[in-house]
Amino acid sequence: MEELKFVTKCLAFTSLMVVLMQVKVGGASVESHTFRWLQGSTVSQYIQSAAAGGAMALRNLGRGLGDGVASTVDGFQEGAHEKAIR
């Protein structure tokens, strides 16, 4: 029964928050003001730069692994070709 009370409270709080975020202040909703503030904050810029660095590292890792696998396969194919023509 406690779990049902908790879920009901969370649902009520979330519904109230959604309704309040739609209130217009100065021609724009509170939600859009909050979104712009979060996008422009220093913390989000640090997080964005860290995410961009992580994406670049993963892309470079993928390229390196792909090149390594391709060169290994090419080496095996060259060796097989040399054995076949003997």
Protein backbone atom coordinates (compact mmCIF):
# COMPACT_ATOMS: atom_id res chain seq x y z
CA MET A 1 0.00 0.00 0.00
CA GLU A 2 2.93 2.33 0.68
CA GLU A 3 4.17 1.79 -2.86
CA LEU A 4 0.81 2.86 -4.29
CA LYS A 5 0.91 6.05 -2.19
CA PHE A 6 4.41 6.79 -3.43
CA VAL A 7 3.45 6.25 -7.07
CA THR A 8 0.34 8.43 -6.62
CA LYS A 9 2.39 11.24 -5.05
CA CYS A 10 4.95 11.07 -7.85
CA LEU A 11 2.22 11.14 -10.49
CA ALA A 12 0.57 14.15 -8.84
CA PHE A 13 3.89 16.01 -8.51
CA THR A 14 4.85 15.28 -12.12
CA SER A 15 1.46 16.36 -13.43
CA LEU A 16 1.63 19.60 -11.45
CA MET A 17 5.16 20.27 -12.71
CA VAL A 18 4.14 19.69 -16.33
CA VAL A 19 1.19 22.07 -15.99
CA LEU A 20 3.30 24.77 -14.31
CA MET A 21 6.01 24.52 -16.97
CA GLN A 22 3.46 25.47 -19.64
CA VAL A 23 2.70 28.86 -18.05
CA LYS A 24 3.75 31.68 -20.38
CA VAL A 25 6.02 34.39 -19.01
CA GLY A 26 7.06 37.18 -21.34
CA GLY A 27 5.71 35.49 -24.46
CA ALA A 28 7.49 32.17 -23.85
CA SER A 29 6.69 29.27 -21.57
CA VAL A 30 8.63 28.56 -18.39
CA GLU A 31 9.76 25.34 -20.06
CA SER A 32 11.43 27.19 -22.95
CA HIS A 33 13.07 29.68 -20.54
CA THR A 34 14.43 26.77 -18.51
CA PHE A 35 15.63 24.97 -21.65
CA ARG A 36 17.51 28.04 -22.89
CA TRP A 37 19.04 28.58 -19.45
CA LEU A 38 20.23 24.97 -19.29
CA GLN A 39 21.69 25.11 -22.80
CA GLY A 40 23.61 28.30 -22.04
CA SER A 41 24.92 27.26 -18.64
CA THR A 42 28.64 26.68 -18.12
CA VAL A 43 28.10 23.17 -16.81
CA SER A 44 26.26 22.07 -19.93
CA GLN A 45 29.04 23.48 -22.11
CA TYR A 46 31.61 21.42 -20.19
CA ILE A 47 29.45 18.33 -20.53
CA GLN A 48 29.01 18.97 -24.27
CA SER A 49 32.76 19.35 -24.81
CA ALA A 50 33.45 16.17 -22.83
CA ALA A 51 30.84 14.29 -24.87
CA ALA A 52 32.34 15.60 -28.11
CA GLY A 53 35.79 14.44 -26.98
CA GLY A 54 34.44 11.02 -26.07
CA ALA A 55 32.71 10.69 -29.44
CA MET A 56 35.94 11.65 -31.23
CA ALA A 57 37.90 9.10 -29.18
CA LEU A 58 35.40 6.36 -30.03
CA ARG A 59 35.51 7.29 -33.73
CA ASN A 60 39.32 7.18 -33.73
CA LEU A 61 39.27 3.87 -31.86
CA GLY A 62 36.85 2.42 -34.40
CA ARG A 63 39.03 3.57 -37.30
CA GLY A 64 42.15 2.17 -35.65
CA LEU A 65 40.52 -1.19 -35.03
CA GLY A 66 39.11 -1.30 -38.55
CA ASP A 67 42.50 -0.51 -40.08
CA GLY A 68 44.20 -3.10 -37.87
CA VAL A 69 41.70 -5.81 -38.79
CA ALA A 70 41.91 -4.90 -42.47
CA SER A 71 45.73 -5.08 -42.48
CA THR A 72 45.67 -8.41 -40.63
CA VAL A 73 43.18 -9.89 -43.08
CA ASP A 74 45.18 -8.53 -46.01
CA GLY A 75 48.31 -10.11 -44.55
CA PHE A 76 46.59 -13.48 -44.25
CA GLN A 77 45.27 -13.22 -47.79
CA GLU A 78 48.72 -12.36 -49.17
CA GLY A 79 50.24 -15.31 -47.32
CA ALA A 80 47.56 -17.65 -48.65
CA HIS A 81 48.11 -16.36 -52.18
CA GLU A 82 51.87 -16.92 -51.92
CA LYS A 83 51.33 -20.48 -50.67
CA ALA A 84 48.84 -21.16 -53.44
CA ILE A 85 51.19 -20.14 -56.24
CA ARG A 86 54.11 -22.25 -54.99
